């Protein structure tokens, strides 16, 4: 079983992105990220309505081993956060692709161009 679903796009920061029918982008952290972090104990997520730029730190993920920043992959507005992740952060360890973090409505029709496909992401993590 591959830990890199082919239907998603990925960032160098180990985030996955799923494009919704309404054009919003759902963002989560990858299997590789949660595996390296270890047991996740806390998420701080961005406020709904916050306007962000690509590359902005928008939250944090804390595990028993480390605290890491979560970055916005696009310019846009945060339109939703996953309260379930805040309440039960450890669920990301067992289902990283089912437990999304936030949704962003991109500005100017940003697309998944510039993101990694599954093959490119697998190559990235193989080189770490």
N, C-alpha and C. Protein backbone atom coordinates (compact mmCIF):
# COMPACT_ATOMS: atom_id res chain seq x y z
N UNK A 1 0.84 -1.19 0.00
CA UNK A 1 0.00 0.00 0.00
C UNK A 1 0.88 1.25 0.00
N UNK A 2 0.60 2.15 -0.89
CA UNK A 2 1.35 3.40 -0.94
C UNK A 2 0.82 4.34 0.13
N UNK A 3 1.74 5.06 0.77
CA UNK A 3 1.35 6.06 1.74
C UNK A 3 1.29 7.45 1.11
N UNK A 4 1.22 7.47 -0.24
CA UNK A 4 1.13 8.72 -0.98
C UNK A 4 0.01 8.59 -2.01
N UNK A 5 -1.23 8.94 -1.62
CA UNK A 5 -2.35 8.81 -2.56
C UNK A 5 -2.13 9.60 -3.85
N UNK A 6 -2.43 8.96 -4.96
CA UNK A 6 -2.18 9.55 -6.28
C UNK A 6 -3.13 10.71 -6.60
N UNK A 7 -4.29 10.78 -5.93
CA UNK A 7 -5.28 11.80 -6.27
C UNK A 7 -5.04 13.14 -5.57
N UNK A 8 -3.98 13.23 -4.77
CA UNK A 8 -3.68 14.47 -4.04
C UNK A 8 -2.46 15.16 -4.64
N UNK A 9 -2.23 16.40 -4.25
CA UNK A 9 -1.00 17.13 -4.56
C UNK A 9 -0.29 17.40 -3.24
N UNK A 10 1.01 17.70 -3.32
CA UNK A 10 1.83 17.78 -2.12
C UNK A 10 2.75 18.99 -2.16
N UNK A 11 3.16 19.44 -0.97
CA UNK A 11 4.15 20.53 -0.87
C UNK A 11 5.47 19.97 -0.34
N UNK A 12 6.51 20.76 -0.50
CA UNK A 12 7.82 20.40 0.07
C UNK A 12 7.77 20.38 1.59
N UNK A 13 6.75 21.02 2.17
CA UNK A 13 6.60 21.08 3.63
C UNK A 13 5.77 19.92 4.17
N UNK A 14 5.53 18.91 3.34
CA UNK A 14 4.83 17.68 3.73
C UNK A 14 3.36 17.91 4.08
N UNK A 15 2.73 18.74 3.27
CA UNK A 15 1.29 18.94 3.36
C UNK A 15 0.65 18.35 2.11
N UNK A 16 -0.56 17.83 2.27
CA UNK A 16 -1.31 17.36 1.09
C UNK A 16 -2.44 18.34 0.82
N UNK A 17 -2.82 18.40 -0.47
CA UNK A 17 -3.87 19.32 -0.90
C UNK A 17 -4.86 18.56 -1.78
N UNK A 18 -6.15 18.73 -1.48
CA UNK A 18 -7.22 18.16 -2.29
C UNK A 18 -8.07 19.32 -2.79
N UNK A 19 -8.31 19.38 -4.09
CA UNK A 19 -9.14 20.44 -4.66
C UNK A 19 -10.60 20.00 -4.62
N UNK A 20 -11.45 20.84 -4.03
CA UNK A 20 -12.89 20.54 -3.94
C UNK A 20 -13.61 21.07 -5.18
N UNK A 21 -14.81 20.60 -5.37
CA UNK A 21 -15.61 21.00 -6.53
C UNK A 21 -15.86 22.50 -6.56
N UNK A 22 -15.93 23.15 -5.39
CA UNK A 22 -16.18 24.59 -5.36
C UNK A 22 -14.90 25.42 -5.54
N UNK A 23 -13.77 24.74 -5.78
CA UNK A 23 -12.51 25.44 -6.01
C UNK A 23 -11.69 25.66 -4.75
N UNK A 24 -12.26 25.36 -3.57
CA UNK A 24 -11.48 25.52 -2.35
C UNK A 24 -10.47 24.37 -2.26
N UNK A 25 -9.45 24.61 -1.48
CA UNK A 25 -8.38 23.62 -1.31
C UNK A 25 -8.39 23.14 0.13
N UNK A 26 -8.44 21.82 0.31
CA UNK A 26 -8.37 21.22 1.63
C UNK A 26 -6.92 20.83 1.89
N UNK A 27 -6.41 21.16 3.09
CA UNK A 27 -5.00 20.95 3.42
C UNK A 27 -4.88 20.07 4.65
N UNK A 28 -3.94 19.12 4.60
CA UNK A 28 -3.63 18.27 5.74
C UNK A 28 -2.14 17.98 5.75
N UNK A 29 -1.69 17.17 6.71
CA UNK A 29 -0.29 16.77 6.71
C UNK A 29 -0.18 15.33 6.24
N UNK A 30 0.94 15.00 5.63
CA UNK A 30 1.13 13.70 4.99
C UNK A 30 1.46 12.59 6.00
N UNK A 31 1.34 11.38 5.51
CA UNK A 31 1.76 10.21 6.29
C UNK A 31 3.21 10.37 6.74
N UNK A 32 4.06 10.81 5.81
CA UNK A 32 5.48 10.99 6.10
C UNK A 32 5.67 12.00 7.24
N UNK A 33 4.93 13.10 7.20
CA UNK A 33 5.05 14.12 8.24
C UNK A 33 4.65 13.57 9.60
N UNK A 34 3.49 12.92 9.68
CA UNK A 34 3.04 12.42 10.98
C UNK A 34 3.96 11.31 11.50
N UNK A 35 4.51 10.51 10.58
CA UNK A 35 5.43 9.44 10.99
C UNK A 35 6.69 10.03 11.61
N UNK A 36 7.24 11.07 10.99
CA UNK A 36 8.44 11.71 11.51
C UNK A 36 8.19 12.47 12.81
N UNK A 37 6.99 13.04 12.94
CA UNK A 37 6.66 13.77 14.16
C UNK A 37 6.45 12.84 15.35
N UNK A 38 5.95 11.65 15.11
CA UNK A 38 5.60 10.76 16.21
C UNK A 38 4.21 11.08 16.71
N UNK A 39 3.93 10.74 17.95
CA UNK A 39 2.59 10.91 18.50
C UNK A 39 2.20 12.39 18.56
N UNK A 40 1.17 12.76 17.79
CA UNK A 40 0.71 14.16 17.74
C UNK A 40 -0.20 14.42 18.92
N UNK A 41 0.05 15.55 19.60
CA UNK A 41 -0.72 15.87 20.81
C UNK A 41 -1.49 17.19 20.72
N UNK A 42 -1.19 18.03 19.72
CA UNK A 42 -1.83 19.35 19.69
C UNK A 42 -1.73 19.96 18.30
N UNK A 43 -2.81 20.63 17.87
CA UNK A 43 -2.80 21.46 16.66
C UNK A 43 -3.27 22.86 17.01
N UNK A 44 -2.60 23.84 16.47
CA UNK A 44 -3.11 25.21 16.48
C UNK A 44 -3.39 25.55 15.02
N UNK A 45 -4.64 25.87 14.73
CA UNK A 45 -5.06 26.12 13.35
C UNK A 45 -5.40 27.59 13.15
N UNK A 46 -5.38 28.05 11.89
CA UNK A 46 -5.67 29.47 11.63
C UNK A 46 -7.14 29.81 11.87
N UNK A 47 -7.40 31.08 12.10
CA UNK A 47 -8.78 31.55 12.29
C UNK A 47 -9.51 31.58 10.96
N UNK A 48 -10.76 31.14 10.97
CA UNK A 48 -11.60 31.25 9.78
C UNK A 48 -11.77 32.73 9.44
N UNK A 49 -11.62 33.04 8.16
CA UNK A 49 -11.71 34.43 7.71
C UNK A 49 -10.36 35.10 7.56
N UNK A 50 -9.31 34.45 8.06
CA UNK A 50 -7.96 35.03 7.96
C UNK A 50 -7.49 35.00 6.51
N UNK A 51 -6.93 36.11 6.06
CA UNK A 51 -6.33 36.19 4.73
C UNK A 51 -4.85 35.86 4.86
N UNK A 52 -4.36 34.97 4.01
CA UNK A 52 -2.98 34.50 4.09
C UNK A 52 -2.30 34.59 2.73
N UNK A 53 -0.99 34.59 2.78
CA UNK A 53 -0.16 34.54 1.58
C UNK A 53 0.49 33.16 1.51
N UNK A 54 0.79 32.71 0.32
CA UNK A 54 1.51 31.44 0.16
C UNK A 54 2.80 31.50 0.96
N UNK A 55 3.06 30.46 1.74
CA UNK A 55 4.28 30.39 2.54
C UNK A 55 4.13 30.94 3.94
N UNK A 56 3.02 31.63 4.22
CA UNK A 56 2.79 32.15 5.58
C UNK A 56 2.62 30.99 6.55
N UNK A 57 3.24 31.10 7.75
CA UNK A 57 2.91 30.12 8.79
C UNK A 57 1.47 30.38 9.25
N UNK A 58 0.64 29.35 9.27
CA UNK A 58 -0.77 29.52 9.63
C UNK A 58 -1.17 28.71 10.85
N UNK A 59 -0.26 27.93 11.38
CA UNK A 59 -0.57 27.14 12.55
C UNK A 59 0.63 26.30 12.96
N UNK A 60 0.40 25.46 13.97
CA UNK A 60 1.46 24.57 14.43
C UNK A 60 0.89 23.19 14.70
N UNK A 61 1.78 22.21 14.61
CA UNK A 61 1.48 20.85 15.03
C UNK A 61 2.54 20.49 16.06
N UNK A 62 2.06 19.95 17.19
CA UNK A 62 2.97 19.58 18.27
C UNK A 62 2.87 18.08 18.50
N UNK A 63 4.04 17.46 18.61
CA UNK A 63 4.08 16.03 18.92
C UNK A 63 4.92 15.85 20.17
N UNK A 64 5.06 14.61 20.59
CA UNK A 64 5.89 14.35 21.76
C UNK A 64 7.37 14.65 21.46
N UNK A 65 7.71 14.73 20.18
CA UNK A 65 9.11 14.97 19.78
C UNK A 65 9.42 16.40 19.37
N UNK A 66 8.44 17.13 18.81
CA UNK A 66 8.78 18.43 18.21
C UNK A 66 7.53 19.28 18.00
N UNK A 67 7.77 20.56 17.75
CA UNK A 67 6.72 21.48 17.31
C UNK A 67 7.11 21.95 15.91
N UNK A 68 6.19 21.86 14.98
CA UNK A 68 6.46 22.27 13.60
C UNK A 68 5.40 23.24 13.13
N UNK A 69 5.81 24.15 12.26
CA UNK A 69 4.86 25.10 11.69
C UNK A 69 4.12 24.46 10.52
N UNK A 70 2.89 24.94 10.33
CA UNK A 70 2.07 24.57 9.18
C UNK A 70 2.00 25.82 8.30
N UNK A 71 2.23 25.64 7.01
CA UNK A 71 2.30 26.78 6.09
C UNK A 71 1.13 26.77 5.12
N UNK A 72 0.74 27.94 4.67
CA UNK A 72 -0.29 28.04 3.65
C UNK A 72 0.34 27.77 2.28
N UNK A 73 -0.23 26.85 1.51
CA UNK A 73 0.32 26.60 0.18
C UNK A 73 -0.12 27.63 -0.86
N UNK A 74 -1.10 28.50 -0.51
CA UNK A 74 -1.65 29.44 -1.48
C UNK A 74 -1.94 30.79 -0.84
N UNK A 75 -2.11 31.82 -1.68
CA UNK A 75 -2.72 33.08 -1.26
C UNK A 75 -4.22 32.84 -1.19
N UNK A 76 -4.85 33.32 -0.15
CA UNK A 76 -6.30 33.15 -0.08
C UNK A 76 -6.85 33.42 1.30
N UNK A 77 -8.06 32.92 1.51
CA UNK A 77 -8.76 33.12 2.78
C UNK A 77 -9.09 31.76 3.39
N UNK A 78 -8.83 31.63 4.68
CA UNK A 78 -9.17 30.41 5.40
C UNK A 78 -10.71 30.39 5.53
N UNK A 79 -11.35 29.34 5.00
CA UNK A 79 -12.81 29.28 5.02
C UNK A 79 -13.36 28.23 5.98
N UNK A 80 -12.50 27.34 6.47
CA UNK A 80 -12.95 26.33 7.43
C UNK A 80 -11.73 25.73 8.13
N UNK A 81 -11.95 25.28 9.36
CA UNK A 81 -10.95 24.48 10.06
C UNK A 81 -11.64 23.22 10.56
N UNK A 82 -10.86 22.19 10.80
CA UNK A 82 -11.39 20.91 11.25
C UNK A 82 -11.31 20.86 12.78
N UNK A 83 -12.43 21.15 13.45
CA UNK A 83 -12.47 21.12 14.91
C UNK A 83 -12.13 19.74 15.47
N UNK A 84 -12.44 18.70 14.72
CA UNK A 84 -12.15 17.34 15.18
C UNK A 84 -10.65 17.14 15.39
N UNK A 85 -9.83 17.74 14.53
CA UNK A 85 -8.38 17.63 14.66
C UNK A 85 -7.89 18.33 15.93
N UNK A 86 -8.52 19.45 16.26
CA UNK A 86 -8.15 20.18 17.48
C UNK A 86 -8.52 19.36 18.71
N UNK A 87 -9.68 18.72 18.67
CA UNK A 87 -10.17 17.95 19.82
C UNK A 87 -9.47 16.60 19.97
N UNK A 88 -9.14 15.95 18.86
CA UNK A 88 -8.48 14.64 18.90
C UNK A 88 -7.30 14.61 17.93
N UNK A 89 -6.23 15.36 18.25
CA UNK A 89 -5.10 15.47 17.32
C UNK A 89 -4.42 14.14 17.02
N UNK A 90 -4.49 13.20 17.94
CA UNK A 90 -3.83 11.91 17.74
C UNK A 90 -4.43 11.12 16.57
N UNK A 91 -5.66 11.47 16.15
CA UNK A 91 -6.30 10.78 15.03
C UNK A 91 -5.52 10.97 13.72
N UNK A 92 -4.76 12.05 13.62
CA UNK A 92 -3.96 12.29 12.40
C UNK A 92 -2.91 11.19 12.24
N UNK A 93 -2.41 10.65 13.35
CA UNK A 93 -1.43 9.57 13.25
C UNK A 93 -2.02 8.32 12.60
N UNK A 94 -3.29 8.04 12.82
CA UNK A 94 -3.89 6.83 12.25
C UNK A 94 -4.56 7.08 10.90
N UNK A 95 -4.90 8.34 10.60
CA UNK A 95 -5.60 8.64 9.34
C UNK A 95 -5.18 10.01 8.79
N UNK A 96 -3.90 10.16 8.40
CA UNK A 96 -3.44 11.49 7.97
C UNK A 96 -4.14 12.03 6.74
N UNK A 97 -4.65 11.17 5.87
CA UNK A 97 -5.30 11.66 4.65
C UNK A 97 -6.81 11.84 4.84
N UNK A 98 -7.35 11.37 5.94
CA UNK A 98 -8.75 11.58 6.24
C UNK A 98 -8.97 12.76 7.18
N UNK A 99 -7.96 13.09 7.95
CA UNK A 99 -8.05 14.16 8.94
C UNK A 99 -7.43 15.43 8.37
N UNK A 100 -8.24 16.24 7.71
CA UNK A 100 -7.77 17.49 7.14
C UNK A 100 -7.63 18.55 8.24
N UNK A 101 -6.86 19.60 7.94
CA UNK A 101 -6.62 20.65 8.93
C UNK A 101 -7.45 21.90 8.67
N UNK A 102 -7.33 22.44 7.43
CA UNK A 102 -8.08 23.65 7.09
C UNK A 102 -8.40 23.67 5.62
N UNK A 103 -9.36 24.54 5.26
CA UNK A 103 -9.72 24.74 3.86
C UNK A 103 -9.45 26.20 3.53
N UNK A 104 -8.94 26.41 2.33
CA UNK A 104 -8.60 27.76 1.88
C UNK A 104 -9.25 28.02 0.53
N UNK A 105 -9.85 29.18 0.41
CA UNK A 105 -10.39 29.63 -0.88
C UNK A 105 -9.31 30.50 -1.49
N UNK A 106 -8.78 30.08 -2.60
CA UNK A 106 -7.63 30.76 -3.19
C UNK A 106 -8.04 32.03 -3.92
N UNK A 107 -7.07 32.93 -4.03
CA UNK A 107 -7.29 34.18 -4.76
C UNK A 107 -6.88 34.00 -6.21
N UNK A 108 -7.59 34.64 -7.09
CA UNK A 108 -7.19 34.67 -8.50
C UNK A 108 -7.14 33.32 -9.16
N UNK A 109 -7.95 32.37 -8.68
CA UNK A 109 -8.00 31.07 -9.34
C UNK A 109 -6.72 30.28 -9.25
N UNK A 110 -6.00 30.41 -8.13
CA UNK A 110 -4.78 29.61 -7.94
C UNK A 110 -5.13 28.14 -8.13
N UNK A 111 -4.20 27.41 -8.67
CA UNK A 111 -4.45 26.00 -8.91
C UNK A 111 -3.37 25.19 -8.22
N UNK A 112 -3.39 23.91 -8.47
CA UNK A 112 -2.38 23.04 -7.87
C UNK A 112 -1.08 23.03 -8.68
N UNK A 113 -0.97 23.93 -9.65
CA UNK A 113 0.30 24.06 -10.39
C UNK A 113 1.39 24.44 -9.39
N UNK A 114 2.56 23.88 -9.56
CA UNK A 114 3.65 24.19 -8.65
C UNK A 114 3.71 23.22 -7.47
N UNK A 115 2.67 22.43 -7.30
CA UNK A 115 2.68 21.42 -6.26
C UNK A 115 3.23 20.12 -6.84
N UNK A 116 3.61 19.23 -5.95
CA UNK A 116 4.16 17.94 -6.38
C UNK A 116 3.03 16.93 -6.60
N UNK A 117 3.18 16.10 -7.63
CA UNK A 117 2.25 14.99 -7.75
C UNK A 117 2.78 13.85 -6.87
N UNK A 118 2.05 12.75 -6.80
CA UNK A 118 2.43 11.66 -5.90
C UNK A 118 3.82 11.12 -6.20
N UNK A 119 4.16 10.96 -7.47
CA UNK A 119 5.48 10.42 -7.83
C UNK A 119 6.60 11.35 -7.38
N UNK A 120 6.42 12.65 -7.62
CA UNK A 120 7.45 13.62 -7.23
C UNK A 120 7.57 13.68 -5.71
N UNK A 121 6.45 13.58 -4.99
CA UNK A 121 6.50 13.61 -3.53
C UNK A 121 7.20 12.36 -2.99
N UNK A 122 6.90 11.20 -3.58
CA UNK A 122 7.58 9.96 -3.16
C UNK A 122 9.08 10.08 -3.35
N UNK A 123 9.49 10.71 -4.45
CA UNK A 123 10.91 10.90 -4.71
C UNK A 123 11.52 11.85 -3.66
N UNK A 124 10.79 12.91 -3.30
CA UNK A 124 11.25 13.85 -2.29
C UNK A 124 11.48 13.15 -0.95
N UNK A 125 10.51 12.36 -0.49
CA UNK A 125 10.66 11.75 0.83
C UNK A 125 11.68 10.59 0.81
N UNK A 126 11.87 9.98 -0.33
CA UNK A 126 12.87 8.92 -0.45
C UNK A 126 14.27 9.50 -0.29
N UNK A 127 14.45 10.77 -0.66
CA UNK A 127 15.75 11.41 -0.58
C UNK A 127 16.07 12.00 0.79
N UNK A 128 15.14 11.92 1.73
CA UNK A 128 15.37 12.50 3.06
C UNK A 128 16.04 11.51 3.98
